[in-house]
Amino acid sequence: MKDLDIAPKAQFPSGDFAPSSATRLLENVVNSNGSDKLLIKDLIDAMNKVGFGLVMMIFAFGLVIPLPPPFPSIISTPLVLFAIQMILGFQAPHLPKRFCNISVKRSTVAMLVKKSMPYIAKIEKFLRPRLLFMNSLIAQRIIGIFIFIFTSFVLLPIPLSNFIPGLGVLIISFGLLSKDGLVIILGIVVGLTGVIISLSAVFFGIEALKYVKNLLF
């Protein structure tokens, strides 16, 4: 069993802040397991209760944080997988079996959840169920297509291809969590804006190279 030792020992005290409904699921997993290690499978199973929203939110946070290559590509890979699962009609994320037995330190998960919960709780105050047609099975498949496009752009070495599409996925994930169709649409618009900016950067970059070539030759 592999161990992802990525943080120092930390405790997860209960009651020192009010958790949001989504992150409470992760808190329960952390506090209900007495072992120092948590299986990735157990974390994914806990997040299955709220569909794709929570797991996508966690990975999308990694796309909006400035990270050197190849970390954005590594983070976006499972998002591409989850997007394909949404397109195929899955109701919750599933990991390949070979990843299920990977373990992470309980203290690491506790620290990450504790740090993220206050921010998520603030954002959730502005979210509410609306435009519920965006949560239908057909809509979920269409949303999966957009997420697939946005996360695929992160895999490409295109300027400005990480932050804005990643922000779009993050916004969509909050909408999925709260069944807020308006926020989902906002995330799609933001993601498409990022795609257009990336394609424009490539187009104008090519045109600039042609211009310089014509000047020199």
N, C-alpha and C. Protein backbone atom coordinates (compact mmCIF):
# COMPACT_ATOMS: atom_id res chain seq x y z
N MET A 1 0.85 -1.20 0.00
CA MET A 1 0.00 0.00 0.00
C MET A 1 0.88 1.24 0.00
N LYS A 2 0.60 2.16 -0.91
CA LYS A 2 1.42 3.35 -1.03
C LYS A 2 0.97 4.41 -0.03
N ASP A 3 1.91 5.25 0.36
CA ASP A 3 1.62 6.28 1.33
C ASP A 3 2.02 7.62 0.77
N LEU A 4 1.08 8.56 0.70
CA LEU A 4 1.36 9.89 0.22
C LEU A 4 1.70 10.77 1.41
N ASP A 5 2.96 10.83 1.77
CA ASP A 5 3.39 11.59 2.93
C ASP A 5 3.67 13.02 2.49
N ILE A 6 2.65 13.89 2.53
CA ILE A 6 2.82 15.23 1.98
C ILE A 6 2.60 16.32 3.01
N ALA A 7 2.42 15.97 4.28
CA ALA A 7 2.23 17.01 5.28
C ALA A 7 2.65 16.49 6.63
N PRO A 8 3.04 17.39 7.53
CA PRO A 8 3.40 16.97 8.87
C PRO A 8 2.19 16.56 9.68
N LYS A 9 2.47 15.95 10.81
CA LYS A 9 1.41 15.48 11.70
C LYS A 9 0.53 16.63 12.14
N ALA A 10 -0.76 16.43 12.08
CA ALA A 10 -1.71 17.47 12.50
C ALA A 10 -2.93 16.82 13.09
N GLN A 11 -3.59 17.54 13.98
CA GLN A 11 -4.80 17.04 14.61
C GLN A 11 -6.00 17.71 13.96
N PHE A 12 -7.16 17.10 14.09
CA PHE A 12 -8.38 17.66 13.53
C PHE A 12 -9.36 17.91 14.66
N PRO A 13 -9.22 19.00 15.36
CA PRO A 13 -10.12 19.27 16.47
C PRO A 13 -11.52 19.55 15.97
N SER A 14 -12.50 19.02 16.67
CA SER A 14 -13.88 19.24 16.26
C SER A 14 -14.46 20.41 17.04
N GLY A 15 -15.36 21.14 16.37
CA GLY A 15 -16.09 22.18 17.05
C GLY A 15 -15.45 23.54 17.02
N ASP A 16 -14.23 23.73 16.43
CA ASP A 16 -13.63 25.04 16.43
C ASP A 16 -14.05 25.87 15.23
N PHE A 17 -14.85 25.31 14.31
CA PHE A 17 -15.48 26.09 13.26
C PHE A 17 -16.67 25.31 12.74
N ALA A 18 -17.59 26.01 12.13
CA ALA A 18 -18.81 25.36 11.63
C ALA A 18 -18.58 24.87 10.22
N PRO A 19 -18.58 23.58 9.99
CA PRO A 19 -18.32 23.06 8.67
C PRO A 19 -19.50 23.21 7.75
N SER A 20 -19.23 23.31 6.46
CA SER A 20 -20.29 23.34 5.46
C SER A 20 -20.82 21.94 5.26
N SER A 21 -21.96 21.82 4.59
CA SER A 21 -22.59 20.53 4.41
C SER A 21 -21.71 19.60 3.59
N ALA A 22 -20.98 20.13 2.63
CA ALA A 22 -20.14 19.29 1.78
C ALA A 22 -18.92 18.78 2.53
N THR A 23 -18.19 19.68 3.15
CA THR A 23 -16.96 19.27 3.82
C THR A 23 -17.24 18.48 5.09
N ARG A 24 -18.46 18.54 5.62
CA ARG A 24 -18.79 17.74 6.80
C ARG A 24 -18.64 16.25 6.49
N LEU A 25 -18.89 15.89 5.23
CA LEU A 25 -18.71 14.49 4.83
C LEU A 25 -17.26 14.05 5.01
N LEU A 26 -16.34 14.90 4.57
CA LEU A 26 -14.93 14.58 4.74
C LEU A 26 -14.53 14.59 6.21
N GLU A 27 -15.08 15.52 6.96
CA GLU A 27 -14.78 15.58 8.39
C GLU A 27 -15.21 14.28 9.07
N ASN A 28 -16.37 13.77 8.68
CA ASN A 28 -16.86 12.54 9.28
C ASN A 28 -15.94 11.37 8.96
N VAL A 29 -15.44 11.33 7.73
CA VAL A 29 -14.52 10.26 7.35
C VAL A 29 -13.25 10.34 8.19
N VAL A 30 -12.73 11.57 8.37
CA VAL A 30 -11.50 11.75 9.13
C VAL A 30 -11.69 11.36 10.58
N ASN A 31 -12.78 11.82 11.18
CA ASN A 31 -12.99 11.60 12.61
C ASN A 31 -13.49 10.21 12.96
N SER A 32 -14.11 9.52 11.97
CA SER A 32 -14.65 8.20 12.25
C SER A 32 -13.63 7.10 12.07
N ASN A 33 -12.49 7.43 11.51
CA ASN A 33 -11.46 6.43 11.25
C ASN A 33 -10.31 6.64 12.22
N GLY A 34 -10.06 5.65 13.06
CA GLY A 34 -9.01 5.78 14.05
C GLY A 34 -7.61 5.54 13.51
N SER A 35 -7.51 5.01 12.31
CA SER A 35 -6.21 4.72 11.72
C SER A 35 -5.50 6.01 11.32
N ASP A 36 -4.17 5.95 11.27
CA ASP A 36 -3.39 7.11 10.85
C ASP A 36 -3.40 7.26 9.33
N LYS A 37 -3.92 6.25 8.63
CA LYS A 37 -3.96 6.28 7.17
C LYS A 37 -5.41 6.17 6.69
N LEU A 38 -5.70 6.89 5.62
CA LEU A 38 -7.02 6.82 4.99
C LEU A 38 -6.85 6.38 3.54
N LEU A 39 -7.66 5.44 3.13
CA LEU A 39 -7.61 5.00 1.74
C LEU A 39 -8.29 6.03 0.85
N ILE A 40 -7.69 6.27 -0.33
CA ILE A 40 -8.31 7.16 -1.30
C ILE A 40 -9.72 6.68 -1.63
N LYS A 41 -9.89 5.36 -1.66
CA LYS A 41 -11.21 4.77 -1.95
C LYS A 41 -12.25 5.26 -0.94
N ASP A 42 -11.87 5.30 0.36
CA ASP A 42 -12.82 5.73 1.38
C ASP A 42 -13.20 7.20 1.21
N LEU A 43 -12.23 8.01 0.82
CA LEU A 43 -12.51 9.44 0.60
C LEU A 43 -13.45 9.63 -0.58
N ILE A 44 -13.18 8.91 -1.68
CA ILE A 44 -14.03 9.01 -2.86
C ILE A 44 -15.44 8.52 -2.55
N ASP A 45 -15.53 7.40 -1.80
CA ASP A 45 -16.84 6.86 -1.43
C ASP A 45 -17.63 7.86 -0.60
N ALA A 46 -16.94 8.59 0.28
CA ALA A 46 -17.62 9.60 1.09
C ALA A 46 -18.14 10.74 0.22
N MET A 47 -17.34 11.12 -0.77
CA MET A 47 -17.73 12.22 -1.65
C MET A 47 -18.81 11.80 -2.65
N ASN A 48 -18.98 10.49 -2.86
CA ASN A 48 -20.01 10.00 -3.76
C ASN A 48 -21.40 10.46 -3.34
N LYS A 49 -21.58 10.73 -2.04
CA LYS A 49 -22.89 11.11 -1.53
C LYS A 49 -23.36 12.44 -2.11
N VAL A 50 -22.42 13.26 -2.58
CA VAL A 50 -22.79 14.56 -3.16
C VAL A 50 -22.43 14.60 -4.65
N GLY A 51 -22.29 13.43 -5.27
CA GLY A 51 -22.02 13.37 -6.70
C GLY A 51 -20.62 13.83 -7.06
N PHE A 52 -20.50 14.48 -8.21
CA PHE A 52 -19.20 14.89 -8.71
C PHE A 52 -18.72 16.22 -8.13
N GLY A 53 -19.63 17.00 -7.55
CA GLY A 53 -19.30 18.36 -7.16
C GLY A 53 -18.11 18.48 -6.23
N LEU A 54 -18.08 17.71 -5.15
CA LEU A 54 -17.05 17.88 -4.14
C LEU A 54 -15.68 17.43 -4.64
N VAL A 55 -15.61 16.27 -5.28
CA VAL A 55 -14.32 15.78 -5.74
C VAL A 55 -13.76 16.69 -6.83
N MET A 56 -14.63 17.22 -7.69
CA MET A 56 -14.17 18.15 -8.72
C MET A 56 -13.71 19.46 -8.11
N MET A 57 -14.38 19.90 -7.07
CA MET A 57 -13.99 21.12 -6.40
C MET A 57 -12.58 21.00 -5.83
N ILE A 58 -12.27 19.87 -5.21
CA ILE A 58 -10.96 19.66 -4.61
C ILE A 58 -9.86 19.71 -5.66
N PHE A 59 -10.07 19.01 -6.79
CA PHE A 59 -9.06 19.01 -7.84
C PHE A 59 -8.99 20.37 -8.54
N ALA A 60 -10.14 21.03 -8.73
CA ALA A 60 -10.15 22.32 -9.43
C ALA A 60 -9.42 23.39 -8.65
N PHE A 61 -9.43 23.30 -7.31
CA PHE A 61 -8.65 24.23 -6.50
C PHE A 61 -7.18 24.17 -6.90
N GLY A 62 -6.72 22.97 -7.26
CA GLY A 62 -5.32 22.82 -7.68
C GLY A 62 -5.02 23.47 -9.01
N LEU A 63 -6.06 23.73 -9.82
CA LEU A 63 -5.85 24.36 -11.12
C LEU A 63 -5.77 25.89 -11.03
N VAL A 64 -6.42 26.47 -10.02
CA VAL A 64 -6.43 27.92 -9.90
C VAL A 64 -5.27 28.42 -9.03
N ILE A 65 -4.57 27.49 -8.38
CA ILE A 65 -3.39 27.86 -7.60
C ILE A 65 -2.18 27.80 -8.53
N PRO A 66 -1.35 28.85 -8.57
CA PRO A 66 -0.17 28.83 -9.44
C PRO A 66 0.79 27.69 -9.07
N LEU A 67 0.96 26.75 -9.97
CA LEU A 67 1.86 25.62 -9.75
C LEU A 67 2.73 25.43 -10.98
N PRO A 68 3.98 25.03 -10.79
CA PRO A 68 4.86 24.81 -11.94
C PRO A 68 4.49 23.52 -12.67
N PRO A 69 4.81 23.43 -13.96
CA PRO A 69 4.60 22.17 -14.69
C PRO A 69 5.40 21.06 -14.02
N PRO A 70 4.95 19.81 -14.03
CA PRO A 70 3.74 19.31 -14.71
C PRO A 70 2.54 19.17 -13.79
N PHE A 71 2.54 19.87 -12.63
CA PHE A 71 1.48 19.66 -11.64
C PHE A 71 0.08 19.97 -12.18
N PRO A 72 -0.13 21.07 -12.94
CA PRO A 72 -1.48 21.29 -13.49
C PRO A 72 -1.96 20.13 -14.35
N SER A 73 -1.07 19.56 -15.15
CA SER A 73 -1.46 18.44 -15.99
C SER A 73 -1.79 17.21 -15.16
N ILE A 74 -1.03 16.98 -14.10
CA ILE A 74 -1.29 15.84 -13.22
C ILE A 74 -2.65 16.00 -12.54
N ILE A 75 -2.94 17.22 -12.07
CA ILE A 75 -4.19 17.48 -11.37
C ILE A 75 -5.39 17.37 -12.31
N SER A 76 -5.20 17.81 -13.56
CA SER A 76 -6.33 17.83 -14.50
C SER A 76 -6.66 16.44 -15.04
N THR A 77 -5.72 15.50 -14.94
CA THR A 77 -5.97 14.16 -15.48
C THR A 77 -7.17 13.47 -14.85
N PRO A 78 -7.29 13.42 -13.51
CA PRO A 78 -8.51 12.82 -12.94
C PRO A 78 -9.76 13.61 -13.26
N LEU A 79 -9.64 14.93 -13.45
CA LEU A 79 -10.80 15.72 -13.82
C LEU A 79 -11.30 15.33 -15.21
N VAL A 80 -10.37 15.04 -16.11
CA VAL A 80 -10.76 14.56 -17.44
C VAL A 80 -11.50 13.23 -17.31
N LEU A 81 -10.99 12.35 -16.45
CA LEU A 81 -11.64 11.06 -16.21
C LEU A 81 -13.05 11.24 -15.66
N PHE A 82 -13.20 12.12 -14.67
CA PHE A 82 -14.52 12.34 -14.07
C PHE A 82 -15.48 12.98 -15.08
N ALA A 83 -14.96 13.86 -15.93
CA ALA A 83 -15.80 14.48 -16.96
C ALA A 83 -16.34 13.42 -17.92
N ILE A 84 -15.47 12.49 -18.31
CA ILE A 84 -15.91 11.39 -19.19
C ILE A 84 -16.99 10.56 -18.51
N GLN A 85 -16.83 10.32 -17.20
CA GLN A 85 -17.84 9.57 -16.47
C GLN A 85 -19.17 10.31 -16.43
N MET A 86 -19.13 11.63 -16.31
CA MET A 86 -20.36 12.42 -16.35
C MET A 86 -21.03 12.29 -17.71
N ILE A 87 -20.23 12.35 -18.78
CA ILE A 87 -20.76 12.24 -20.14
C ILE A 87 -21.43 10.88 -20.33
N LEU A 88 -20.85 9.85 -19.72
CA LEU A 88 -21.39 8.50 -19.86
C LEU A 88 -22.60 8.24 -18.96
N GLY A 89 -22.93 9.20 -18.11
CA GLY A 89 -24.12 9.06 -17.28
C GLY A 89 -23.88 8.57 -15.87
N PHE A 90 -22.61 8.50 -15.43
CA PHE A 90 -22.32 8.12 -14.04
C PHE A 90 -22.94 9.15 -13.10
N GLN A 91 -23.41 8.70 -11.96
CA GLN A 91 -24.00 9.59 -10.97
C GLN A 91 -22.98 10.05 -9.93
N ALA A 92 -21.83 9.38 -9.87
CA ALA A 92 -20.80 9.70 -8.88
C ALA A 92 -19.44 9.28 -9.45
N PRO A 93 -18.36 9.89 -8.97
CA PRO A 93 -17.02 9.57 -9.50
C PRO A 93 -16.54 8.19 -9.09
N HIS A 94 -15.78 7.57 -9.96
CA HIS A 94 -15.18 6.26 -9.69
C HIS A 94 -13.73 6.29 -10.12
N LEU A 95 -12.87 5.76 -9.26
CA LEU A 95 -11.45 5.68 -9.57
C LEU A 95 -11.10 4.29 -10.06
N PRO A 96 -10.11 4.19 -10.96
CA PRO A 96 -9.61 2.86 -11.34
C PRO A 96 -9.12 2.10 -10.11
N LYS A 97 -9.26 0.77 -10.14
CA LYS A 97 -8.94 -0.04 -8.97
C LYS A 97 -7.52 0.14 -8.47
N ARG A 98 -6.60 0.37 -9.39
CA ARG A 98 -5.19 0.45 -8.95
C ARG A 98 -4.92 1.70 -8.11
N PHE A 99 -5.83 2.69 -8.17
CA PHE A 99 -5.66 3.89 -7.36
C PHE A 99 -6.39 3.80 -6.03
N CYS A 100 -7.29 2.84 -5.89
CA CYS A 100 -8.13 2.78 -4.71
C CYS A 100 -7.37 2.43 -3.44
N ASN A 101 -6.28 1.68 -3.55
CA ASN A 101 -5.55 1.24 -2.37
C ASN A 101 -4.42 2.18 -1.97
N ILE A 102 -4.31 3.31 -2.65
CA ILE A 102 -3.35 4.32 -2.24
C ILE A 102 -3.87 4.98 -0.96
N SER A 103 -2.98 5.18 -0.01
CA SER A 103 -3.40 5.78 1.26
C SER A 103 -2.76 7.15 1.44
N VAL A 104 -3.41 7.95 2.24
CA VAL A 104 -2.91 9.29 2.57
C VAL A 104 -2.99 9.46 4.08
N LYS A 105 -2.09 10.22 4.64
CA LYS A 105 -2.10 10.42 6.08
C LYS A 105 -3.40 11.08 6.54
N ARG A 106 -3.96 10.55 7.59
CA ARG A 106 -5.18 11.12 8.16
C ARG A 106 -4.95 12.58 8.54
N SER A 107 -3.78 12.89 9.10
CA SER A 107 -3.47 14.25 9.52
C SER A 107 -3.42 15.20 8.33
N THR A 108 -3.00 14.69 7.17
CA THR A 108 -2.95 15.51 5.96
C THR A 108 -4.34 15.92 5.53
N VAL A 109 -5.24 14.94 5.47
CA VAL A 109 -6.63 15.21 5.08
C VAL A 109 -7.27 16.17 6.08
N ALA A 110 -6.99 15.95 7.38
CA ALA A 110 -7.55 16.81 8.42
C ALA A 110 -7.12 18.25 8.22
N MET A 111 -5.84 18.45 7.93
CA MET A 111 -5.32 19.81 7.76
C MET A 111 -5.93 20.48 6.53
N LEU A 112 -6.03 19.74 5.42
CA LEU A 112 -6.57 20.30 4.18
C LEU A 112 -8.05 20.66 4.34
N VAL A 113 -8.80 19.76 4.97
CA VAL A 113 -10.23 20.02 5.17
C VAL A 113 -10.43 21.21 6.10
N LYS A 114 -9.65 21.27 7.16
CA LYS A 114 -9.79 22.36 8.12
C LYS A 114 -9.51 23.71 7.47
N LYS A 115 -8.49 23.77 6.63
CA LYS A 115 -8.13 25.05 6.00
C LYS A 115 -9.14 25.47 4.93
N SER A 116 -9.76 24.49 4.26
CA SER A 116 -10.67 24.83 3.16
C SER A 116 -12.08 25.14 3.64
N MET A 117 -12.48 24.58 4.77
CA MET A 117 -13.87 24.69 5.20
C MET A 117 -14.34 26.13 5.43
N PRO A 118 -13.55 27.02 6.05
CA PRO A 118 -14.05 28.39 6.24
C PRO A 118 -14.33 29.09 4.92
N TYR A 119 -13.47 28.87 3.90
CA TYR A 119 -13.68 29.51 2.60
C TYR A 119 -14.91 28.94 1.90
N ILE A 120 -15.05 27.62 1.96
CA ILE A 120 -16.19 26.98 1.31
C ILE A 120 -17.49 27.42 1.98
N ALA A 121 -17.47 27.54 3.31
CA ALA A 121 -18.67 27.96 4.04
C ALA A 121 -19.09 29.36 3.62
N LYS A 122 -18.12 30.25 3.40
CA LYS A 122 -18.45 31.62 2.97
C LYS A 122 -19.08 31.62 1.59
N ILE A 123 -18.53 30.82 0.69
CA ILE A 123 -19.05 30.76 -0.68
C ILE A 123 -20.45 30.17 -0.69
N GLU A 124 -20.67 29.15 0.14
CA GLU A 124 -21.97 28.46 0.14
C GLU A 124 -23.11 29.36 0.60
N LYS A 125 -22.79 30.47 1.28
CA LYS A 125 -23.84 31.39 1.72
C LYS A 125 -24.56 32.02 0.52
N PHE A 126 -23.86 32.10 -0.62
CA PHE A 126 -24.43 32.74 -1.80
C PHE A 126 -25.06 31.72 -2.76
N LEU A 127 -24.98 30.45 -2.40
CA LEU A 127 -25.50 29.40 -3.28
C LEU A 127 -26.85 28.91 -2.78
N ARG A 128 -27.72 28.57 -3.73
CA ARG A 128 -29.02 28.00 -3.37
C ARG A 128 -29.56 27.25 -4.59
N PRO A 129 -30.42 26.27 -4.39
CA PRO A 129 -30.99 25.54 -5.53
C PRO A 129 -31.81 26.46 -6.43
N ARG A 130 -31.47 26.51 -7.71
CA ARG A 130 -32.21 27.30 -8.69
C ARG A 130 -31.87 26.79 -10.09
N LEU A 131 -32.74 27.09 -11.04
CA LEU A 131 -32.58 26.57 -12.40
C LEU A 131 -32.28 25.07 -12.35
N LEU A 132 -33.17 24.34 -11.69
CA LEU A 132 -32.92 22.94 -11.40
C LEU A 132 -32.84 22.06 -12.64
N PHE A 133 -33.26 22.57 -13.80
CA PHE A 133 -33.13 21.78 -15.02
C PHE A 133 -31.66 21.51 -15.36
N MET A 134 -30.76 22.33 -14.79
CA MET A 134 -29.32 22.12 -15.01
C MET A 134 -28.80 20.91 -14.26
N ASN A 135 -29.64 20.31 -13.41
CA ASN A 135 -29.24 19.12 -12.65
C ASN A 135 -29.88 17.85 -13.20
N SER A 136 -30.54 17.95 -14.35
CA SER A 136 -31.12 16.76 -14.98
C SER A 136 -30.01 15.90 -15.57
N LEU A 137 -30.32 14.66 -15.90
CA LEU A 137 -29.32 13.73 -16.43
C LEU A 137 -28.74 14.23 -17.75
N ILE A 138 -29.61 14.75 -18.61
CA ILE A 138 -29.13 15.27 -19.90
C ILE A 138 -28.21 16.47 -19.68
N ALA A 139 -28.62 17.38 -18.79
CA ALA A 139 -27.80 18.55 -18.50
C ALA A 139 -26.45 18.14 -17.91
N GLN A 140 -26.45 17.13 -17.04
CA GLN A 140 -25.20 16.66 -16.44
C GLN A 140 -24.24 16.15 -17.50
N ARG A 141 -24.75 15.49 -18.51
CA ARG A 141 -23.90 14.99 -19.59
C ARG A 141 -23.31 16.16 -20.39
N ILE A 142 -24.14 17.17 -20.63
CA ILE A 142 -23.65 18.35 -21.36
C ILE A 142 -22.60 19.09 -20.53
N ILE A 143 -22.85 19.20 -19.22
CA ILE A 143 -21.87 19.82 -18.33
C ILE A 143 -20.56 19.04 -18.36
N GLY A 144 -20.66 17.71 -18.40
CA GLY A 144 -19.46 16.87 -18.49
C GLY A 144 -18.65 17.17 -19.75
N ILE A 145 -19.34 17.46 -20.86
CA ILE A 145 -18.64 17.80 -22.10
C ILE A 145 -17.84 19.09 -21.92
N PHE A 146 -18.47 20.10 -21.31
CA PHE A 146 -17.77 21.36 -21.08
C PHE A 146 -16.57 21.17 -20.15
N ILE A 147 -16.77 20.40 -19.07
CA ILE A 147 -15.65 20.16 -18.14
C ILE A 147 -14.54 19.41 -18.85
N PHE A 148 -14.89 18.47 -19.72
CA PHE A 148 -13.88 17.74 -20.49
C PHE A 148 -13.07 18.70 -21.36
N ILE A 149 -13.75 19.64 -22.01
CA ILE A 149 -13.05 20.62 -22.85
C ILE A 149 -12.13 21.49 -22.01
N PHE A 150 -12.65 21.99 -20.89
CA PHE A 150 -11.86 22.90 -20.06
C PHE A 150 -10.63 22.21 -19.48
N THR A 151 -10.81 21.00 -18.95
CA THR A 151 -9.68 20.29 -18.34
C THR A 151 -8.69 19.79 -19.40
N SER A 152 -9.18 19.50 -20.59
CA SER A 152 -8.28 19.09 -21.67
C SER A 152 -7.36 20.23 -22.06
N PHE A 153 -7.87 21.46 -21.99
CA PHE A 153 -7.04 22.61 -22.32
C PHE A 153 -5.89 22.76 -21.35
N VAL A 154 -6.12 22.38 -20.09
CA VAL A 154 -5.06 22.45 -19.10
C VAL A 154 -3.92 21.50 -19.45
N LEU A 155 -4.26 20.39 -20.09
CA LEU A 155 -3.24 19.41 -20.48
C LEU A 155 -2.38 19.91 -21.64
N LEU A 156 -2.87 20.90 -22.37
CA LEU A 156 -2.14 21.40 -23.53
C LEU A 156 -1.19 22.53 -23.13
N PRO A 157 0.00 22.59 -23.75
CA PRO A 157 0.95 23.66 -23.44
C PRO A 157 0.58 24.97 -24.12
N ILE A 158 -0.58 25.53 -23.74
CA ILE A 158 -1.07 26.76 -24.33
C ILE A 158 -1.00 27.86 -23.28
N PRO A 159 -0.51 29.05 -23.65
CA PRO A 159 -0.45 30.15 -22.68
C PRO A 159 -1.83 30.48 -22.11
N LEU A 160 -1.86 30.77 -20.82
CA LEU A 160 -3.09 31.16 -20.11
C LEU A 160 -4.16 30.07 -20.12
N SER A 161 -3.74 28.81 -20.32
CA SER A 161 -4.73 27.73 -20.47
C SER A 161 -5.12 27.11 -19.13
N ASN A 162 -4.46 27.48 -18.04
CA ASN A 162 -4.72 26.83 -16.76
C ASN A 162 -5.77 27.54 -15.92
N PHE A 163 -5.51 28.81 -15.62
CA PHE A 163 -6.27 29.48 -14.57
C PHE A 163 -7.74 29.65 -14.91
N ILE A 164 -8.06 30.28 -16.04
CA ILE A 164 -9.46 30.61 -16.32
C ILE A 164 -10.31 29.36 -16.57
N PRO A 165 -9.88 28.39 -17.41
CA PRO A 165 -10.68 27.16 -17.52
C PRO A 165 -10.80 26.44 -16.18
N GLY A 166 -9.71 26.43 -15.39
CA GLY A 166 -9.76 25.80 -14.07
C GLY A 166 -10.73 26.51 -13.15
N LEU A 167 -10.77 27.85 -13.23
CA LEU A 167 -11.73 28.62 -12.43
C LEU A 167 -13.15 28.28 -12.86
N GLY A 168 -13.35 28.08 -14.16
CA GLY A 168 -14.67 27.68 -14.65
C GLY A 168 -15.10 26.36 -14.05
N VAL A 169 -14.18 25.38 -14.01
CA VAL A 169 -14.50 24.07 -13.43
C VAL A 169 -14.80 24.21 -11.94
N LEU A 170 -14.04 25.07 -11.26
CA LEU A 170 -14.26 25.27 -9.83
C LEU A 170 -15.65 25.85 -9.57
N ILE A 171 -16.04 26.84 -10.37
CA ILE A 171 -17.36 27.45 -10.21
C ILE A 171 -18.46 26.43 -10.51
N ILE A 172 -18.26 25.65 -11.57
CA ILE A 172 -19.23 24.60 -11.91
C ILE A 172 -19.39 23.62 -10.75
N SER A 173 -18.27 23.25 -10.13
CA SER A 173 -18.32 22.28 -9.04
C SER A 173 -19.14 22.80 -7.86
N PHE A 174 -19.03 24.10 -7.57
CA PHE A 174 -19.86 24.67 -6.50
C PHE A 174 -21.33 24.63 -6.89
N GLY A 175 -21.61 24.88 -8.16
CA GLY A 175 -22.99 24.79 -8.63
C GLY A 175 -23.54 23.38 -8.53
N LEU A 176 -22.70 22.38 -8.86
CA LEU A 176 -23.12 20.99 -8.76
C LEU A 176 -23.40 20.61 -7.31
N LEU A 177 -22.57 21.10 -6.41
CA LEU A 177 -22.73 20.79 -5.00
C LEU A 177 -24.05 21.31 -4.44
N SER A 178 -24.40 22.52 -4.85
CA SER A 178 -25.58 23.18 -4.28
C SER A 178 -26.79 23.13 -5.18
N LYS A 179 -26.66 22.40 -6.32
CA LYS A 179 -27.74 22.33 -7.32
C LYS A 179 -28.15 23.73 -7.78
N ASP A 180 -27.16 24.58 -7.91
CA ASP A 180 -27.38 25.97 -8.33
C ASP A 180 -27.09 26.07 -9.82
N GLY A 181 -28.15 25.98 -10.63
CA GLY A 181 -27.98 26.00 -12.07
C GLY A 181 -27.40 27.30 -12.58
N LEU A 182 -27.72 28.41 -11.92
CA LEU A 182 -27.19 29.70 -12.35
C LEU A 182 -25.67 29.74 -12.20
N VAL A 183 -25.17 29.21 -11.12
CA VAL A 183 -23.72 29.17 -10.90
C VAL A 183 -23.05 28.21 -11.89
N ILE A 184 -23.72 27.11 -12.21
CA ILE A 184 -23.18 26.18 -13.20
C ILE A 184 -23.02 26.89 -14.55
N ILE A 185 -24.05 27.65 -14.95
CA ILE A 185 -23.99 28.40 -16.21
C ILE A 185 -22.87 29.43 -16.16
N LEU A 186 -22.73 30.11 -15.02
CA LEU A 186 -21.65 31.08 -14.86
C LEU A 186 -20.29 30.41 -15.04
N GLY A 187 -20.12 29.22 -14.46
CA GLY A 187 -18.86 28.49 -14.60
C GLY A 187 -18.58 28.11 -16.04
N ILE A 188 -19.62 27.72 -16.77
CA ILE A 188 -19.45 27.38 -18.19
C ILE A 188 -19.01 28.61 -18.98
N VAL A 189 -19.62 29.76 -18.69
CA VAL A 189 -19.25 31.00 -19.38
C VAL A 189 -17.79 31.37 -19.08
N VAL A 190 -17.40 31.25 -17.82
CA VAL A 190 -16.02 31.56 -17.44
C VAL A 190 -15.05 30.61 -18.14
N GLY A 191 -15.38 29.32 -18.15
CA GLY A 191 -14.51 28.34 -18.80
C GLY A 191 -14.38 28.59 -20.28
N LEU A 192 -15.50 28.91 -20.95
CA LEU A 192 -15.46 29.20 -22.38
C LEU A 192 -14.64 30.45 -22.66
N THR A 193 -14.73 31.43 -21.76
CA THR A 193 -13.91 32.63 -21.90
C THR A 193 -12.42 32.28 -21.86
N GLY A 194 -12.06 31.37 -20.96
CA GLY A 194 -10.67 30.93 -20.88
C GLY A 194 -10.21 30.21 -22.14
N VAL A 195 -11.10 29.39 -22.70
CA VAL A 195 -10.77 28.68 -23.94
C VAL A 195 -10.56 29.67 -25.08
N ILE A 196 -11.45 30.67 -25.18
CA ILE A 196 -11.33 31.67 -26.24
C ILE A 196 -10.04 32.47 -26.09
N ILE A 197 -9.70 32.83 -24.86
CA ILE A 197 -8.46 33.58 -24.62
C ILE A 197 -7.25 32.74 -25.02
N SER A 198 -7.28 31.45 -24.67
CA SER A 198 -6.16 30.57 -25.00
C SER A 198 -6.01 30.43 -26.52
N LEU A 199 -7.13 30.21 -27.21
CA LEU A 199 -7.07 30.08 -28.66
C LEU A 199 -6.63 31.38 -29.32
N SER A 200 -7.09 32.51 -28.77
CA SER A 200 -6.68 33.81 -29.30
C SER A 200 -5.19 34.03 -29.12
N ALA A 201 -4.67 33.59 -27.94
CA ALA A 201 -3.23 33.74 -27.69
C ALA A 201 -2.43 32.92 -28.70
N VAL A 202 -2.91 31.72 -29.01
CA VAL A 202 -2.22 30.88 -30.00
C VAL A 202 -2.28 31.54 -31.38
N PHE A 203 -3.48 32.02 -31.76
CA PHE A 203 -3.66 32.63 -33.08
C PHE A 203 -2.77 33.85 -33.25
N PHE A 204 -2.82 34.77 -32.28
CA PHE A 204 -2.02 35.99 -32.39
C PHE A 204 -0.53 35.69 -32.26
N GLY A 205 -0.21 34.64 -31.50
CA GLY A 205 1.20 34.25 -31.41
C GLY A 205 1.73 33.77 -32.75
N ILE A 206 0.93 32.97 -33.45
CA ILE A 206 1.33 32.49 -34.77
C ILE A 206 1.44 33.64 -35.75
N GLU A 207 0.47 34.57 -35.71
CA GLU A 207 0.50 35.73 -36.59
C GLU A 207 1.72 36.60 -36.31
N ALA A 208 2.07 36.74 -35.03
CA ALA A 208 3.24 37.54 -34.67
C ALA A 208 4.52 36.90 -35.20
N LEU A 209 4.61 35.57 -35.12
CA LEU A 209 5.78 34.87 -35.65
C LEU A 209 5.88 35.05 -37.16
N LYS A 210 4.73 34.99 -37.84
CA LYS A 210 4.74 35.19 -39.30
C LYS A 210 5.20 36.60 -39.65
N TYR A 211 4.75 37.58 -38.84
CA TYR A 211 5.11 38.98 -39.08
C TYR A 211 6.62 39.17 -38.91
N VAL A 212 7.16 38.61 -37.83
CA VAL A 212 8.59 38.71 -37.58
C VAL A 212 9.39 38.01 -38.68
N LYS A 213 8.89 36.86 -39.10
CA LYS A 213 9.56 36.11 -40.17
C LYS A 213 9.61 36.92 -41.45
N ASN A 214 8.50 37.59 -41.77
CA ASN A 214 8.46 38.40 -42.99
C ASN A 214 9.39 39.60 -42.89
N LEU A 215 9.55 40.15 -41.68
CA LEU A 215 10.46 41.29 -41.50
C LEU A 215 11.91 40.86 -41.67
N LEU A 216 12.22 39.71 -41.13
CA LEU A 216 13.63 39.26 -41.16
C LEU A 216 14.03 38.61 -42.48
N PHE A 217 13.07 37.99 -43.12
CA PHE A 217 13.39 37.28 -44.34
C PHE A 217 12.61 37.86 -45.53
